[in-house]
Amino acid sequence: MLSIVICFLLYLLFNAKKSTLELDEEIDEKIEIDGNKVIPAPATESLRVEEVNKIKLFFENSDLYLQANFTLEDMSVEVDIPRAILTDVMNKEMQTGFYAILGEHRIHHAKKMLLDKENFTIEALVFQCGFHSKSTFNKYFKQFVGQTPSSFRIENMHNIRTF
């Protein structure tokens, strides 16, 4: 009877080690993202270009990013990329973070509005482009354009379209 129990225990031990080895091999074929998300390694390389394109297309075809309360989670849902992977793609493939890319596209929109509407105040533009404050708007505008919104408007007065 004792030999049967020992054989059974050895069988369980052997299968447990075998399962652990198989699991280790499976994990070695995966990449960890953001400390807790795991995706298959072969898919990462091929999907990176697709994910970058999804992000670019979102900013080209949507104006949801102009909402002041727009978040990384909102973008994740819109582009159908998990938040951790979205962050990783922005950081590694696009060499930027969420708030920087968001600010850049909001400023691009602000520049268009400044050129389209002569009587549009800077204060109104701040909120139309999704910024919470004029100081943040000015900071990003100067960072991406190299001058203040007022200077940009004065310098481009001849390009302003009147309707």
Foldseek 3Di string as FASTA:
>chain_A
DVVVVVVVVVVVVVVVVVVVVVVVVVQVQWDDFPNDDIDGPVVVVVCLVVLVVLLVVCLVPDLPLQALPDDLVNVCVVSVHPSRVNQVSCCPVVVDGDVLVSLLSLLVVLLVVLQADVPDDLVNSCNSSNHPDSVVNQVSNCVNVVDGSVVSSVVCVVRRDDD
